[in-house]
Every structure is written in C-alpha cells, then in structure tokens.
PDB file of N, CA and C in Angstrom:
ATOM      1  N   MET A   1      12.648 -30.244   2.555  1.00  0.00           N
ATOM      2  CA  MET A   1      11.747 -29.484   1.864  1.00  0.00           C
ATOM      3  C   MET A   1      10.755 -28.965   1.821  1.00  0.00           C
ATOM      4  N   PRO A   2      10.747 -27.177   1.644  1.00  0.00           N
ATOM      5  CA  PRO A   2       9.307 -27.291   2.128  1.00  0.00           C
ATOM      6  C   PRO A   2       8.308 -27.450   1.280  1.00  0.00           C
ATOM      7  N   THR A   3       6.995 -27.147   1.966  1.00  0.00           N
ATOM      8  CA  THR A   3       5.521 -27.315   0.623  1.00  0.00           C
ATOM      9  C   THR A   3       5.390 -25.940  -0.125  1.00  0.00           C
ATOM     10  N   PHE A   4       4.867 -26.509  -1.127  1.00  0.00           N
ATOM     11  CA  PHE A   4       4.431 -24.996  -1.650  1.00  0.00           C
ATOM     12  C   PHE A   4       3.736 -23.827  -0.904  1.00  0.00           C
ATOM     13  N   ARG A   5       2.800 -24.398   0.142  1.00  0.00           N
ATOM     14  CA  ARG A   5       2.083 -23.350   0.595  1.00  0.00           C
ATOM     15  C   ARG A   5       3.133 -22.424   2.219  1.00  0.00           C
ATOM     16  N   GLN A   6       4.008 -23.577   2.323  1.00  0.00           N
ATOM     17  CA  GLN A   6       4.728 -23.009   2.737  1.00  0.00           C
ATOM     18  C   GLN A   6       5.725 -22.185   2.506  1.00  0.00           C
ATOM     19  N   GLU A   7       6.047 -22.152   1.182  1.00  0.00           N
ATOM     20  CA  GLU A   7       6.854 -20.937   0.110  1.00  0.00           C
ATOM     21  C   GLU A   7       6.026 -20.012   0.022  1.00  0.00           C
ATOM     22  N   LEU A   8       4.527 -20.158  -0.196  1.00  0.00           N
ATOM     23  CA  LEU A   8       3.627 -19.227  -0.567  1.00  0.00           C
ATOM     24  C   LEU A   8       3.960 -18.474   0.782  1.00  0.00           C
ATOM     25  N   ASP A   9       4.021 -18.840   1.543  1.00  0.00           N
ATOM     26  CA  ASP A   9       3.615 -18.479   2.763  1.00  0.00           C
ATOM     27  C   ASP A   9       5.394 -16.707   3.188  1.00  0.00           C
ATOM     28  N   ARG A  10       6.219 -17.218   2.616  1.00  0.00           N
ATOM     29  CA  ARG A  10       7.459 -17.403   2.584  1.00  0.00           C
ATOM     30  C   ARG A  10       7.467 -16.022   1.318  1.00  0.00           C
ATOM     31  N   ILE A  11       7.214 -16.220   0.665  1.00  0.00           N
ATOM     32  CA  ILE A  11       6.963 -15.079  -0.185  1.00  0.00           C
ATOM     33  C   ILE A  11       6.161 -14.219   0.213  1.00  0.00           C
ATOM     34  N   ILE A  12       5.070 -14.002  -0.122  1.00  0.00           N
ATOM     35  CA  ILE A  12       3.508 -13.335   1.059  1.00  0.00           C
ATOM     36  C   ILE A  12       5.037 -12.200   1.698  1.00  0.00           C
ATOM     37  N   TYR A  13       5.906 -13.399   2.768  1.00  0.00           N
ATOM     38  CA  TYR A  13       6.166 -12.963   3.765  1.00  0.00           C
ATOM     39  C   TYR A  13       7.859 -11.218   3.429  1.00  0.00           C
ATOM     40  N   GLU A  14       7.785 -12.149   2.401  1.00  0.00           N
ATOM     41  CA  GLU A  14       8.948 -11.053   1.757  1.00  0.00           C
ATOM     42  C   GLU A  14       8.732  -9.677   1.132  1.00  0.00           C
ATOM     43  N   TRP A  15       7.679 -10.050   0.684  1.00  0.00           N
ATOM     44  CA  TRP A  15       6.767  -8.937   0.187  1.00  0.00           C
ATOM     45  C   TRP A  15       6.033  -7.818   0.625  1.00  0.00           C
ATOM     46  N   GLY A  16       6.158  -7.758   1.973  1.00  0.00           N
ATOM     47  CA  GLY A  16       5.535  -7.246   3.225  1.00  0.00           C
ATOM     48  C   GLY A  16       5.519  -5.641   2.939  1.00  0.00           C
ATOM     49  N   LYS A  17       7.365  -5.681   2.853  1.00  0.00           N
ATOM     50  CA  LYS A  17       7.624  -4.006   3.061  1.00  0.00           C
ATOM     51  C   LYS A  17       6.842  -3.349   1.697  1.00  0.00           C
ATOM     52  N   PHE A  18       7.058  -4.472   0.735  1.00  0.00           N
ATOM     53  CA  PHE A  18       6.040  -3.964  -0.929  1.00  0.00           C
ATOM     54  C   PHE A  18       5.191  -3.346  -0.081  1.00  0.00           C
ATOM     55  N   ARG A  19       4.158  -4.739  -0.290  1.00  0.00           N
ATOM     56  CA  ARG A  19       2.902  -4.106   0.241  1.00  0.00           C
ATOM     57  C   ARG A  19       1.924  -2.827   1.258  1.00  0.00           C
ATOM     58  N   ARG A  20       3.241  -2.751   2.165  1.00  0.00           N
ATOM     59  CA  ARG A  20       3.142  -1.491   3.078  1.00  0.00           C
ATOM     60  C   ARG A  20       3.428  -0.534   2.705  1.00  0.00           C
ATOM     61  N   ALA A  21       4.067  -0.553   1.893  1.00  0.00           N
ATOM     62  CA  ALA A  21       4.168   0.625   1.141  1.00  0.00           C
ATOM     63  C   ALA A  21       3.234   0.866  -0.366  1.00  0.00           C
ATOM     64  N   LEU A  22       1.773   0.250  -0.351  1.00  0.00           N
ATOM     65  CA  LEU A  22       1.063   0.611  -0.971  1.00  0.00           C
ATOM     66  C   LEU A  22      -0.322   1.298  -0.495  1.00  0.00           C
ATOM     67  N   ARG A  23      -0.878   2.419  -1.521  1.00  0.00           N
ATOM     68  CA  ARG A  23      -1.759   2.662  -0.645  1.00  0.00           C
ATOM     69  C   ARG A  23      -3.023   1.856  -0.094  1.00  0.00           C
ATOM     70  N   ARG A  24      -4.040   2.243  -0.065  1.00  0.00           N
ATOM     71  CA  ARG A  24      -4.703   0.961   1.058  1.00  0.00           C
ATOM     72  C   ARG A  24      -4.972  -0.180   0.017  1.00  0.00           C
ATOM     73  N   GLU A  25      -6.073   1.376  -1.179  1.00  0.00           N
ATOM     74  CA  GLU A  25      -6.933   0.565  -2.477  1.00  0.00           C
ATOM     75  C   GLU A  25      -6.199  -0.378  -2.919  1.00  0.00           C
ATOM     76  N   GLU A  26      -5.028  -0.087  -2.950  1.00  0.00           N
ATOM     77  CA  GLU A  26      -3.894  -0.995  -3.861  1.00  0.00           C
ATOM     78  C   GLU A  26      -3.291  -2.160  -2.491  1.00  0.00           C
ATOM     79  N   ARG A  27      -3.352  -2.003  -1.445  1.00  0.00           N
ATOM     80  CA  ARG A  27      -2.517  -3.514  -0.613  1.00  0.00           C
ATOM     81  C   ARG A  27      -4.138  -4.191  -0.458  1.00  0.00           C
ATOM     82  N   GLU A  28      -5.534  -3.871  -0.644  1.00  0.00           N
ATOM     83  CA  GLU A  28      -6.188  -4.940  -0.604  1.00  0.00           C
ATOM     84  C   GLU A  28      -6.523  -5.319  -1.769  1.00  0.00           C
ATOM     85  N   GLU A  29      -6.203  -4.782  -3.566  1.00  0.00           N
ATOM     86  CA  GLU A  29      -5.668  -5.504  -4.082  1.00  0.00           C
ATOM     87  C   GLU A  29      -4.765  -6.806  -4.274  1.00  0.00           C
ATOM     88  N   PHE A  30      -3.368  -6.326  -3.950  1.00  0.00           N
ATOM     89  CA  PHE A  30      -2.300  -7.192  -3.410  1.00  0.00           C
ATOM     90  C   PHE A  30      -2.806  -8.476  -2.690  1.00  0.00           C
ATOM     91  N   ASP A  31      -3.425  -7.809  -1.807  1.00  0.00           N
ATOM     92  CA  ASP A  31      -3.782  -9.410  -0.900  1.00  0.00           C
ATOM     93  C   ASP A  31      -4.668 -10.336  -1.883  1.00  0.00           C
ATOM     94  N   GLU A  32      -5.606  -9.818  -2.670  1.00  0.00           N
ATOM     95  CA  GLU A  32      -6.703 -10.179  -3.371  1.00  0.00           C
ATOM     96  C   GLU A  32      -5.300 -11.447  -4.304  1.00  0.00           C
ATOM     97  N   LEU A  33      -4.735 -10.515  -5.584  1.00  0.00           N
ATOM     98  CA  LEU A  33      -3.481 -11.413  -5.840  1.00  0.00           C
ATOM     99  C   LEU A  33      -2.754 -12.677  -5.247  1.00  0.00           C
ATOM    100  N   MET A  34      -2.634 -12.568  -3.677  1.00  0.00           N
ATOM    101  CA  MET A  34      -2.297 -13.509  -3.366  1.00  0.00           C
ATOM    102  C   MET A  34      -3.467 -14.711  -2.146  1.00  0.00           C
ATOM    103  N   ARG A  35      -4.501 -14.351  -2.564  1.00  0.00           N
ATOM    104  CA  ARG A  35      -6.068 -15.153  -2.390  1.00  0.00           C
ATOM    105  C   ARG A  35      -5.898 -15.814  -3.735  1.00  0.00           C
ATOM    106  N   ARG A  36      -5.449 -15.071  -4.626  1.00  0.00           N
ATOM    107  CA  ARG A  36      -5.429 -16.234  -6.171  1.00  0.00           C
ATOM    108  C   ARG A  36      -4.746 -17.102  -6.234  1.00  0.00           C
ATOM    109  N   ALA A  37      -3.341 -16.823  -5.668  1.00  0.00           N
ATOM    110  CA  ALA A  37      -2.208 -17.804  -5.757  1.00  0.00           C
ATOM    111  C   ALA A  37      -2.425 -18.878  -4.885  1.00  0.00           C
ATOM    112  N   LYS A  38      -3.496 -18.389  -3.980  1.00  0.00           N
ATOM    113  CA  LYS A  38      -3.329 -19.225  -3.045  1.00  0.00           C
ATOM    114  C   LYS A  38      -4.376 -20.443  -3.154  1.00  0.00           C
ATOM    115  N   ARG A  39      -5.584 -19.993  -4.100  1.00  0.00           N
ATOM    116  CA  ARG A  39      -6.133 -21.109  -5.152  1.00  0.00           C
ATOM    117  C   ARG A  39      -5.555 -22.039  -5.351  1.00  0.00           C
ATOM    118  N   HIS A  40      -4.952 -22.231  -5.966  1.00  0.00           N
ATOM    119  CA  HIS A  40      -4.036 -23.231  -6.797  1.00  0.00           C
ATOM    120  C   HIS A  40      -2.566 -23.664  -5.701  1.00  0.00           C
ATOM    121  N   VAL A  41      -2.707 -24.031  -4.992  1.00  0.00           N
ATOM    122  CA  VAL A  41      -1.714 -24.492  -4.070  1.00  0.00           C
ATOM    123  C   VAL A  41      -1.717 -25.606  -4.462  1.00  0.00           C
ATOM    124  N   SER A  42      -2.585 -26.740  -4.637  1.00  0.00           N
ATOM    125  CA  SER A  42      -2.280 -28.023  -4.730  1.00  0.00           C
ATOM    126  C   SER A  42      -1.923 -28.201  -6.598  1.00  0.00           C
ATOM    127  N   ALA A  43      -2.000 -27.262  -7.095  1.00  0.00           N
ATOM    128  CA  ALA A  43      -1.504 -27.319  -8.607  1.00  0.00           C
ATOM    129  C   ALA A  43      -0.271 -26.861  -8.551  1.00  0.00           C
ATOM    130  N   ALA A  44      -0.050 -26.255  -7.689  1.00  0.00           N
ATOM    131  CA  ALA A  44       1.448 -25.327  -7.764  1.00  0.00           C
ATOM    132  C   ALA A  44       2.595 -26.642  -7.123  1.00  0.00           C
ATOM    133  N   HIS A  45       1.306 -27.224  -5.224  1.00  0.00           N
ATOM    134  CA  HIS A  45       3.098 -28.329  -5.223  1.00  0.00           C
ATOM    135  C   HIS A  45       3.186 -29.492  -6.083  1.00  0.00           C
ATOM    136  N   TYR A  46       1.769 -29.966  -6.631  1.00  0.00           N
ATOM    137  CA  TYR A  46       2.071 -30.733  -8.398  1.00  0.00           C
ATOM    138  C   TYR A  46       3.315 -30.903  -8.457  1.00  0.00           C
ATOM    139  N   GLN A  47       3.025 -29.580  -9.524  1.00  0.00           N
ATOM    140  CA  GLN A  47       4.099 -28.986 -10.940  1.00  0.00           C
ATOM    141  C   GLN A  47       5.641 -29.249  -9.507  1.00  0.00           C
ATOM    142  N   ALA A  48       5.966 -28.796  -8.308  1.00  0.00           N
ATOM    143  CA  ALA A  48       6.947 -28.541  -7.867  1.00  0.00           C
ATOM    144  C   ALA A  48       7.894 -27.946  -8.437  1.00  0.00           C
ATOM    145  N   ASN A  49       7.624 -26.676  -9.397  1.00  0.00           N
ATOM    146  CA  ASN A  49       8.947 -26.204  -9.852  1.00  0.00           C
ATOM    147  C   ASN A  49       9.295 -25.548  -9.133  1.00  0.00           C
ATOM    148  N   PRO A  50      11.115 -25.728  -9.218  1.00  0.00           N
ATOM    149  CA  PRO A  50      11.850 -25.201  -8.265  1.00  0.00           C
ATOM    150  C   PRO A  50      12.005 -24.004  -8.185  1.00  0.00           C
ATOM    151  N   ASP A  51      11.367 -22.586  -9.193  1.00  0.00           N
ATOM    152  CA  ASP A  51      11.154 -21.249  -8.490  1.00  0.00           C
ATOM    153  C   ASP A  51      10.164 -21.012  -8.052  1.00  0.00           C
ATOM    154  N   PRO A  52       9.506 -21.011  -6.832  1.00  0.00           N
ATOM    155  CA  PRO A  52       7.922 -20.579  -7.111  1.00  0.00           C
ATOM    156  C   PRO A  52       7.062 -19.287  -7.426  1.00  0.00           C
ATOM    157  N   MET A  53       7.895 -18.657  -7.317  1.00  0.00           N
ATOM    158  CA  MET A  53       7.646 -17.106  -8.201  1.00  0.00           C
ATOM    159  C   MET A  53       6.719 -17.410  -9.883  1.00  0.00           C
ATOM    160  N   GLU A  54       7.340 -18.854 -10.234  1.00  0.00           N
ATOM    161  CA  GLU A  54       6.361 -19.252 -11.517  1.00  0.00           C
ATOM    162  C   GLU A  54       5.150 -19.403 -11.468  1.00  0.00           C
ATOM    163  N   SER A  55       5.141 -20.404  -9.900  1.00  0.00           N
ATOM    164  CA  SER A  55       3.943 -20.910 -10.262  1.00  0.00           C
ATOM    165  C   SER A  55       2.571 -19.902  -9.398  1.00  0.00           C
ATOM    166  N   VAL A  56       2.995 -18.691  -8.774  1.00  0.00           N
ATOM    167  CA  VAL A  56       2.759 -17.943  -8.231  1.00  0.00           C
ATOM    168  C   VAL A  56       2.169 -16.576  -9.377  1.00  0.00           C
ATOM    169  N   PHE A  57       2.503 -16.315 -10.244  1.00  0.00           N
ATOM    170  CA  PHE A  57       2.145 -16.125 -11.113  1.00  0.00           C
ATOM    171  C   PHE A  57       1.625 -16.766 -12.294  1.00  0.00           C
ATOM    172  N   ILE A  58       1.805 -17.595 -12.532  1.00  0.00           N
ATOM    173  CA  ILE A  58       0.700 -18.618 -12.976  1.00  0.00           C
ATOM    174  C   ILE A  58      -0.880 -19.012 -12.502  1.00  0.00           C
ATOM    175  N   SER A  59      -0.706 -19.019 -11.627  1.00  0.00           N
ATOM    176  CA  SER A  59      -1.908 -19.046 -10.614  1.00  0.00           C
ATOM    177  C   SER A  59      -2.522 -17.892 -10.641  1.00  0.00           C
ATOM    178  N   ILE A  60      -1.926 -16.604 -10.413  1.00  0.00           N
ATOM    179  CA  ILE A  60      -2.546 -15.455 -10.383  1.00  0.00           C
ATOM    180  C   ILE A  60      -3.160 -15.537 -12.002  1.00  0.00           C
ATOM    181  N   LEU A  61      -2.499 -15.622 -13.002  1.00  0.00           N
ATOM    182  CA  LEU A  61      -2.163 -15.389 -14.813  1.00  0.00           C
ATOM    183  C   LEU A  61      -3.893 -16.435 -14.945  1.00  0.00           C
ATOM    184  N   LEU A  62      -3.465 -17.572 -14.327  1.00  0.00           N
ATOM    185  CA  LEU A  62      -5.465 -18.597 -14.561  1.00  0.00           C
ATOM    186  C   LEU A  62      -6.394 -18.111 -13.645  1.00  0.00           C
ATOM    187  N   GLU A  63      -5.998 -17.528 -12.605  1.00  0.00           N
ATOM    188  CA  GLU A  63      -7.411 -16.526 -12.201  1.00  0.00           C
ATOM    189  C   GLU A  63      -7.526 -15.223 -12.951  1.00  0.00           C
ATOM    190  N   HIS A  64      -6.951 -14.523 -13.825  1.00  0.00           N
ATOM    191  CA  HIS A  64      -7.294 -13.673 -14.263  1.00  0.00           C
ATOM    192  C   HIS A  64      -7.998 -13.741 -15.395  1.00  0.00           C
ATOM    193  N   GLU A  65      -7.521 -15.372 -16.184  1.00  0.00           N
ATOM    194  CA  GLU A  65      -8.190 -15.597 -17.347  1.00  0.00           C
ATOM    195  C   GLU A  65      -9.663 -15.955 -17.121  1.00  0.00           C
ATOM    196  N   MET A  66      -9.818 -16.645 -15.571  1.00  0.00           N
ATOM    197  CA  MET A  66     -10.919 -17.067 -15.319  1.00  0.00           C
ATOM    198  C   MET A  66     -11.796 -15.911 -14.911  1.00  0.00           C
ATOM    199  N   GLU A  67     -11.530 -15.105 -14.689  1.00  0.00           N
ATOM    200  CA  GLU A  67     -12.449 -13.814 -14.254  1.00  0.00           C
ATOM    201  C   GLU A  67     -12.836 -13.507 -16.129  1.00  0.00           C
ATOM    202  N   ILE A  68     -12.354 -13.649 -16.970  1.00  0.00           N
ATOM    203  CA  ILE A  68     -12.273 -12.768 -18.153  1.00  0.00           C
ATOM    204  C   ILE A  68     -12.707 -13.208 -19.028  1.00  0.00           C
ATOM    205  N   ALA A  69     -13.130 -14.690 -18.155  1.00  0.00           N
ATOM    206  CA  ALA A  69     -14.411 -16.031 -19.273  1.00  0.00           C
ATOM    207  C   ALA A  69     -15.389 -15.597 -18.885  1.00  0.00           C
ATOM    208  N   ARG A  70     -15.844 -15.898 -17.616  1.00  0.00           N
ATOM    209  CA  ARG A  70     -16.573 -15.142 -16.390  1.00  0.00           C
ATOM    210  C   ARG A  70     -17.243 -14.071 -17.150  1.00  0.00           C
ATOM    211  N   LEU A  71     -16.897 -12.644 -17.298  1.00  0.00           N
ATOM    212  CA  LEU A  71     -16.825 -11.375 -17.689  1.00  0.00           C
ATOM    213  C   LEU A  71     -17.744 -11.378 -19.296  1.00  0.00           C
ATOM    214  N   LYS A  72     -16.777 -11.958 -19.954  1.00  0.00           N
ATOM    215  CA  LYS A  72     -17.401 -12.271 -21.336  1.00  0.00           C
ATOM    216  C   LYS A  72     -18.657 -12.780 -21.226  1.00  0.00           C
ATOM    217  N   ARG A  73     -18.868 -14.152 -20.896  1.00  0.00           N
ATOM    218  CA  ARG A  73     -19.938 -15.084 -20.939  1.00  0.00           C
ATOM    219  C   ARG A  73     -21.217 -13.981 -20.036  1.00  0.00           C
ATOM    220  N   ARG A  74     -20.728 -13.513 -18.982  1.00  0.00           N
ATOM    221  CA  ARG A  74     -22.348 -12.167 -18.485  1.00  0.00           C
ATOM    222  C   ARG A  74     -22.256 -11.391 -19.695  1.00  0.00           C
ATOM    223  N   LEU A  75     -21.345 -10.806 -20.277  1.00  0.00           N
ATOM    224  CA  LEU A  75     -22.013  -9.531 -21.112  1.00  0.00           C
ATOM    225  C   LEU A  75     -22.618 -10.429 -22.477  1.00  0.00           C
ATOM    226  N   GLU A  76     -22.039 -11.461 -22.715  1.00  0.00           N
ATOM    227  CA  GLU A  76     -22.888 -12.525 -23.664  1.00  0.00           C
ATOM    228  C   GLU A  76     -24.448 -12.883 -23.513  1.00  0.00           C
ATOM    229  N   ASP A  77     -24.289 -13.232 -22.200  1.00  0.00           N
ATOM    230  CA  ASP A  77     -26.206 -13.102 -21.476  1.00  0.00           C
ATOM    231  C   ASP A  77     -26.733 -12.161 -21.804  1.00  0.00           C
ATOM    232  N   GLU A  78     -26.309 -11.310 -21.252  1.00  0.00           N
ATOM    233  CA  GLU A  78     -27.026  -9.657 -21.530  1.00  0.00           C
ATOM    234  C   GLU A  78     -26.673  -9.114 -22.723  1.00  0.00           C
ATOM    235  N   GLY A  79     -26.394  -9.788 -24.063  1.00  0.00           N
ATOM    236  CA  GLY A  79     -26.169  -9.098 -24.870  1.00  0.00           C
ATOM    237  C   GLY A  79     -25.702  -8.295 -25.418  1.00  0.00           C
ATOM    238  N   LEU A  80     -24.591  -8.043 -24.545  1.00  0.00           N
ATOM    239  CA  LEU A  80     -23.851  -7.341 -25.012  1.00  0.00           C
ATOM    240  C   LEU A  80     -22.395  -7.432 -25.728  1.00  0.00           C
ATOM    241  N   ASP A  81     -22.173  -8.584 -26.056  1.00  0.00           N
ATOM    242  CA  ASP A  81     -21.038  -9.291 -26.077  1.00  0.00           C
ATOM    243  C   ASP A  81     -20.664  -8.217 -27.596  1.00  0.00           C
ATOM    244  N   THR A  82     -19.280  -7.973 -28.277  1.00  0.00           N
ATOM    245  CA  THR A  82     -18.406  -7.748 -29.469  1.00  0.00           C
ATOM    246  C   THR A  82     -18.869  -8.411 -30.626  1.00  0.00           C
TER     247      THR A  82
END
C-alpha cells in the first residue's frame, strides 16, 4: 500500500500534462497548490482516505483558509478591517 506522499507524487505526475498546458504564471500557482498539499502529508496519511484527491483538496482548502485568516489579522492590525 503506497504512502500518501507516494500517492501525492503520483497525482502530481498525472497532472503533468495539465500543468504543461498552463501559462508560466499559472504553472507557478499550480506548483504552489501542490506545495500546499505537501504541507499536510502527515495528516492526510493519518486520515488514510481511500480517495487521495480528497485529502489533496482538503489540504489546499485548509491552506487557503489559513491565508485568509492571516490576511484578516493583517487588515485588523492596520485598522483596515470592515
């Protein structure tokens, strides 16, 4: 049974054609999405979801939520919150 890290590497490889079809700046963002997924490999492995793409999506969504929270705090710190 492959580890989640191995599954993620396989997923990234399988999406290679999609990545190559993107514009350069889009490729950089795609790569960032995959880096975000890699940040949660341990949690995804622990979850052991039969569909590894679900763990990839949740990891990326979690990273986006964390970024939104950071940006909100920054706005609040600068007195620009709504």
